[in-house]
N, C-alpha and C. Protein backbone atom coordinates (compact mmCIF):
# COMPACT_ATOMS: atom_id res chain seq x y z
N MET A 1 -15.35 -41.10 9.15
CA MET A 1 -14.27 -40.25 9.53
C MET A 1 -13.61 -39.64 8.28
N SER A 2 -13.62 -40.31 7.16
CA SER A 2 -13.00 -39.77 5.96
C SER A 2 -13.81 -38.59 5.42
N ILE A 3 -15.10 -38.59 5.61
CA ILE A 3 -15.92 -37.45 5.18
C ILE A 3 -15.54 -36.21 5.99
N ARG A 4 -15.29 -36.41 7.28
CA ARG A 4 -14.89 -35.30 8.13
C ARG A 4 -13.56 -34.72 7.64
N ARG A 5 -12.61 -35.56 7.28
CA ARG A 5 -11.31 -35.09 6.78
C ARG A 5 -11.47 -34.32 5.47
N VAL A 6 -12.30 -34.84 4.60
CA VAL A 6 -12.54 -34.16 3.32
C VAL A 6 -13.17 -32.79 3.58
N ALA A 7 -14.13 -32.74 4.48
CA ALA A 7 -14.80 -31.48 4.80
C ALA A 7 -13.83 -30.48 5.40
N MET A 8 -12.95 -30.95 6.29
CA MET A 8 -11.96 -30.06 6.90
C MET A 8 -10.96 -29.56 5.85
N GLY A 9 -10.56 -30.45 4.96
CA GLY A 9 -9.64 -30.06 3.89
C GLY A 9 -10.27 -29.04 2.97
N LEU A 10 -11.52 -29.26 2.62
CA LEU A 10 -12.24 -28.33 1.75
C LEU A 10 -12.39 -26.97 2.44
N ALA A 11 -12.70 -26.98 3.72
CA ALA A 11 -12.84 -25.73 4.47
C ALA A 11 -11.52 -24.98 4.49
N LEU A 12 -10.42 -25.69 4.65
CA LEU A 12 -9.10 -25.07 4.66
C LEU A 12 -8.78 -24.46 3.30
N VAL A 13 -9.05 -25.18 2.24
CA VAL A 13 -8.79 -24.67 0.89
C VAL A 13 -9.63 -23.42 0.63
N LEU A 14 -10.89 -23.44 1.02
CA LEU A 14 -11.75 -22.29 0.81
C LEU A 14 -11.29 -21.09 1.63
N ALA A 15 -10.85 -21.33 2.85
CA ALA A 15 -10.37 -20.23 3.70
C ALA A 15 -9.12 -19.60 3.11
N LEU A 16 -8.20 -20.41 2.64
CA LEU A 16 -6.97 -19.89 2.04
C LEU A 16 -7.28 -19.16 0.73
N GLY A 17 -8.18 -19.70 -0.03
CA GLY A 17 -8.55 -19.07 -1.30
C GLY A 17 -9.27 -17.76 -1.09
N ALA A 18 -10.07 -17.65 -0.05
CA ALA A 18 -10.79 -16.40 0.22
C ALA A 18 -9.83 -15.30 0.59
N GLY A 19 -8.78 -15.62 1.34
CA GLY A 19 -7.80 -14.60 1.72
C GLY A 19 -7.08 -14.03 0.53
N SER A 20 -6.66 -14.87 -0.39
CA SER A 20 -5.97 -14.36 -1.57
C SER A 20 -6.97 -13.78 -2.57
N GLY A 21 -8.20 -14.21 -2.48
CA GLY A 21 -9.23 -13.69 -3.37
C GLY A 21 -9.55 -12.23 -3.10
N LEU A 22 -9.34 -11.77 -1.88
CA LEU A 22 -9.62 -10.37 -1.57
C LEU A 22 -8.70 -9.46 -2.37
N ALA A 23 -7.43 -9.81 -2.45
CA ALA A 23 -6.48 -9.00 -3.22
C ALA A 23 -6.83 -9.06 -4.70
N LEU A 24 -7.22 -10.24 -5.17
CA LEU A 24 -7.57 -10.37 -6.58
C LEU A 24 -8.86 -9.63 -6.89
N ALA A 25 -9.79 -9.65 -5.96
CA ALA A 25 -11.06 -8.97 -6.19
C ALA A 25 -10.85 -7.46 -6.32
N ALA A 26 -9.89 -6.93 -5.60
CA ALA A 26 -9.60 -5.51 -5.69
C ALA A 26 -8.84 -5.19 -6.97
N GLY A 27 -8.35 -6.22 -7.66
CA GLY A 27 -7.62 -6.02 -8.89
C GLY A 27 -6.19 -5.57 -8.68
N LYS A 28 -5.73 -5.63 -7.45
CA LYS A 28 -4.37 -5.19 -7.13
C LYS A 28 -3.71 -6.26 -6.28
N PRO A 29 -2.40 -6.45 -6.46
CA PRO A 29 -1.70 -7.44 -5.64
C PRO A 29 -1.64 -7.00 -4.19
N ALA A 30 -1.54 -7.97 -3.29
CA ALA A 30 -1.41 -7.65 -1.88
C ALA A 30 -0.05 -7.01 -1.63
N GLN A 31 -0.04 -5.96 -0.81
CA GLN A 31 1.19 -5.26 -0.49
C GLN A 31 2.04 -6.10 0.46
N THR A 32 3.33 -6.17 0.20
CA THR A 32 4.23 -6.88 1.09
C THR A 32 5.22 -5.93 1.74
N ASP A 33 5.77 -4.99 0.97
CA ASP A 33 6.70 -4.00 1.50
C ASP A 33 6.03 -2.65 1.51
N LYS A 34 6.58 -1.76 2.36
CA LYS A 34 6.04 -0.41 2.39
C LYS A 34 6.47 0.34 1.15
N VAL A 35 5.62 1.25 0.72
CA VAL A 35 5.89 2.07 -0.45
C VAL A 35 6.50 3.39 0.03
N ASN A 36 7.68 3.72 -0.49
CA ASN A 36 8.36 4.95 -0.11
C ASN A 36 7.80 6.09 -0.96
N LEU A 37 7.15 7.03 -0.32
CA LEU A 37 6.53 8.15 -1.03
C LEU A 37 7.56 9.00 -1.76
N ASN A 38 8.80 8.98 -1.33
CA ASN A 38 9.83 9.82 -1.94
C ASN A 38 10.56 9.17 -3.11
N THR A 39 10.35 7.89 -3.32
CA THR A 39 11.05 7.21 -4.41
C THR A 39 10.14 6.38 -5.31
N ALA A 40 8.90 6.18 -4.92
CA ALA A 40 7.99 5.28 -5.65
C ALA A 40 7.63 5.83 -7.03
N SER A 41 7.48 4.91 -7.96
CA SER A 41 7.05 5.26 -9.32
C SER A 41 5.51 5.34 -9.35
N VAL A 42 4.98 5.82 -10.47
CA VAL A 42 3.53 5.86 -10.66
C VAL A 42 2.96 4.45 -10.50
N GLN A 43 3.63 3.47 -11.08
CA GLN A 43 3.15 2.09 -11.00
C GLN A 43 3.10 1.60 -9.56
N GLN A 44 4.16 1.85 -8.80
CA GLN A 44 4.19 1.41 -7.40
C GLN A 44 3.11 2.09 -6.59
N LEU A 45 2.93 3.37 -6.78
CA LEU A 45 1.90 4.10 -6.05
C LEU A 45 0.50 3.64 -6.44
N SER A 46 0.30 3.35 -7.72
CA SER A 46 -1.04 2.95 -8.17
C SER A 46 -1.42 1.55 -7.70
N GLU A 47 -0.48 0.80 -7.15
CA GLU A 47 -0.78 -0.51 -6.58
C GLU A 47 -1.36 -0.39 -5.17
N LEU A 48 -1.31 0.80 -4.59
CA LEU A 48 -1.91 1.02 -3.27
C LEU A 48 -3.42 1.00 -3.40
N PRO A 49 -4.13 0.46 -2.41
CA PRO A 49 -5.59 0.44 -2.47
C PRO A 49 -6.17 1.84 -2.59
N GLY A 50 -7.03 2.03 -3.59
CA GLY A 50 -7.70 3.31 -3.78
C GLY A 50 -6.89 4.35 -4.55
N VAL A 51 -5.69 3.98 -5.00
CA VAL A 51 -4.84 4.92 -5.74
C VAL A 51 -4.73 4.44 -7.18
N GLY A 52 -5.22 5.24 -8.09
CA GLY A 52 -5.10 4.93 -9.51
C GLY A 52 -3.93 5.69 -10.10
N GLU A 53 -3.77 5.58 -11.43
CA GLU A 53 -2.64 6.23 -12.09
C GLU A 53 -2.71 7.74 -12.00
N ALA A 54 -3.90 8.33 -12.11
CA ALA A 54 -4.03 9.79 -12.06
C ALA A 54 -3.63 10.31 -10.67
N LEU A 55 -4.10 9.65 -9.62
CA LEU A 55 -3.75 10.07 -8.26
C LEU A 55 -2.26 9.85 -8.00
N ALA A 56 -1.73 8.75 -8.49
CA ALA A 56 -0.30 8.48 -8.33
C ALA A 56 0.53 9.57 -9.00
N ALA A 57 0.09 10.03 -10.17
CA ALA A 57 0.79 11.11 -10.86
C ALA A 57 0.73 12.40 -10.05
N ARG A 58 -0.42 12.69 -9.39
CA ARG A 58 -0.53 13.88 -8.54
C ARG A 58 0.39 13.78 -7.33
N ILE A 59 0.55 12.57 -6.79
CA ILE A 59 1.45 12.36 -5.65
C ILE A 59 2.88 12.69 -6.07
N ILE A 60 3.29 12.21 -7.23
CA ILE A 60 4.64 12.48 -7.72
C ILE A 60 4.82 13.96 -8.02
N GLU A 61 3.81 14.58 -8.60
CA GLU A 61 3.87 16.02 -8.88
C GLU A 61 4.06 16.82 -7.59
N TYR A 62 3.29 16.45 -6.55
CA TYR A 62 3.42 17.12 -5.25
C TYR A 62 4.82 16.91 -4.70
N ARG A 63 5.33 15.69 -4.80
CA ARG A 63 6.67 15.36 -4.30
C ARG A 63 7.73 16.23 -4.97
N GLN A 64 7.61 16.40 -6.27
CA GLN A 64 8.59 17.20 -7.02
C GLN A 64 8.50 18.67 -6.65
N LYS A 65 7.29 19.20 -6.49
CA LYS A 65 7.11 20.61 -6.17
C LYS A 65 7.52 20.94 -4.74
N SER A 66 7.28 20.01 -3.81
CA SER A 66 7.53 20.29 -2.40
C SER A 66 8.92 19.87 -1.94
N GLY A 67 9.65 19.18 -2.80
CA GLY A 67 10.97 18.71 -2.40
C GLY A 67 10.95 17.42 -1.61
N GLY A 68 9.87 16.69 -1.70
CA GLY A 68 9.77 15.39 -1.03
C GLY A 68 8.87 15.44 0.19
N PHE A 69 8.47 14.26 0.63
CA PHE A 69 7.59 14.12 1.79
C PHE A 69 8.43 14.02 3.05
N LYS A 70 8.14 14.85 4.03
CA LYS A 70 8.83 14.78 5.33
C LYS A 70 8.16 13.74 6.23
N SER A 71 6.85 13.53 6.04
CA SER A 71 6.11 12.54 6.81
C SER A 71 5.02 11.95 5.91
N THR A 72 4.54 10.78 6.28
CA THR A 72 3.49 10.16 5.48
C THR A 72 2.19 10.97 5.56
N GLN A 73 1.95 11.67 6.69
CA GLN A 73 0.74 12.47 6.85
C GLN A 73 0.66 13.60 5.82
N GLU A 74 1.81 14.02 5.32
CA GLU A 74 1.85 15.08 4.31
C GLU A 74 1.13 14.65 3.02
N LEU A 75 0.93 13.36 2.85
CA LEU A 75 0.22 12.86 1.68
C LEU A 75 -1.19 13.43 1.59
N MET A 76 -1.76 13.79 2.73
CA MET A 76 -3.12 14.35 2.73
C MET A 76 -3.16 15.75 2.10
N ASN A 77 -2.01 16.34 1.80
CA ASN A 77 -1.96 17.62 1.08
C ASN A 77 -2.20 17.44 -0.41
N VAL A 78 -2.15 16.20 -0.88
CA VAL A 78 -2.37 15.90 -2.30
C VAL A 78 -3.87 15.84 -2.55
N GLN A 79 -4.32 16.55 -3.58
CA GLN A 79 -5.74 16.54 -3.93
C GLN A 79 -6.18 15.11 -4.23
N GLY A 80 -7.23 14.66 -3.56
CA GLY A 80 -7.75 13.31 -3.76
C GLY A 80 -7.42 12.37 -2.62
N ILE A 81 -6.56 12.81 -1.70
CA ILE A 81 -6.23 11.99 -0.52
C ILE A 81 -6.79 12.70 0.70
N GLY A 82 -7.85 12.15 1.23
CA GLY A 82 -8.45 12.68 2.44
C GLY A 82 -8.04 11.83 3.63
N GLU A 83 -8.55 12.20 4.78
CA GLU A 83 -8.19 11.48 6.01
C GLU A 83 -8.61 10.02 5.94
N ARG A 84 -9.79 9.77 5.41
CA ARG A 84 -10.29 8.39 5.35
C ARG A 84 -9.45 7.52 4.42
N SER A 85 -9.15 8.03 3.23
CA SER A 85 -8.33 7.24 2.29
C SER A 85 -6.90 7.10 2.81
N PHE A 86 -6.40 8.13 3.50
CA PHE A 86 -5.06 8.04 4.07
C PHE A 86 -5.00 6.94 5.13
N GLN A 87 -6.01 6.86 5.97
CA GLN A 87 -6.03 5.85 7.03
C GLN A 87 -6.00 4.43 6.45
N LYS A 88 -6.59 4.24 5.28
CA LYS A 88 -6.62 2.91 4.66
C LYS A 88 -5.24 2.46 4.20
N ILE A 89 -4.38 3.42 3.83
CA ILE A 89 -3.08 3.05 3.26
C ILE A 89 -1.89 3.45 4.13
N GLU A 90 -2.15 4.11 5.24
CA GLU A 90 -1.08 4.62 6.09
C GLU A 90 -0.05 3.56 6.48
N SER A 91 -0.52 2.37 6.82
CA SER A 91 0.40 1.31 7.26
C SER A 91 1.27 0.78 6.12
N LEU A 92 0.93 1.13 4.89
CA LEU A 92 1.68 0.66 3.72
C LEU A 92 2.71 1.68 3.24
N LEU A 93 2.81 2.81 3.94
CA LEU A 93 3.63 3.92 3.47
C LEU A 93 4.85 4.17 4.35
N THR A 94 5.88 4.74 3.73
CA THR A 94 7.05 5.24 4.43
C THR A 94 7.59 6.43 3.65
N THR A 95 8.37 7.24 4.32
CA THR A 95 9.07 8.32 3.63
C THR A 95 10.56 8.05 3.62
N GLY A 96 10.94 6.91 4.18
CA GLY A 96 12.35 6.53 4.21
C GLY A 96 13.10 7.19 5.34
N GLU A 97 12.37 7.80 6.30
CA GLU A 97 13.05 8.53 7.37
C GLU A 97 13.94 7.64 8.22
N ALA A 98 13.60 6.38 8.40
CA ALA A 98 14.42 5.49 9.22
C ALA A 98 15.78 5.28 8.58
N SER A 99 15.82 5.06 7.26
CA SER A 99 17.10 4.83 6.59
C SER A 99 17.90 6.13 6.51
N GLN A 100 17.21 7.29 6.39
CA GLN A 100 17.92 8.57 6.35
C GLN A 100 18.57 8.86 7.70
N LYS A 101 17.86 8.57 8.78
CA LYS A 101 18.41 8.79 10.12
C LYS A 101 19.59 7.87 10.36
N ALA A 102 19.50 6.62 9.90
CA ALA A 102 20.59 5.67 10.10
C ALA A 102 21.83 6.11 9.33
N SER A 103 21.67 6.60 8.13
CA SER A 103 22.83 7.02 7.35
C SER A 103 23.41 8.31 7.91
N ALA A 104 22.62 9.13 8.57
CA ALA A 104 23.12 10.37 9.14
C ALA A 104 23.98 10.12 10.37
N THR A 105 23.75 8.99 11.05
CA THR A 105 24.52 8.68 12.26
C THR A 105 25.82 7.96 11.94
N LYS A 106 26.01 7.53 10.70
CA LYS A 106 27.23 6.79 10.33
C LYS A 106 28.38 7.72 10.09
C-alpha cells in the first residue's frame, strides 16, 4: 500500500509541475490579470503569448496615433496581429471599458 501512495504522490507532483512548466516553457509568466491595452507598458504587453517587444511597441504606437483602443478587437488593426493570434490572447485583454462606464455613472 505504501508503494501506491508514493506513486500517487509522484503523479500529483508531476501533474502540478507540468502545469507550471507550460508557462516556463513559453519563457513567459502565466497571466493572472487582464492587460489593459490603453495603459499597458511595452513590458506588460510583451508578456502576452506571442507578443514580443517589437510588436508591443507597435501596439503602443497604434494606441498613441488612434487615441486609444475602443475595443479589444481593434488590436487586429496593428500590423502583426491577425485573427488567429488575437484569438489566443483575447481573454487576457481589456480596454478598461468597464471601469470607464462605472466612473461615468458616478
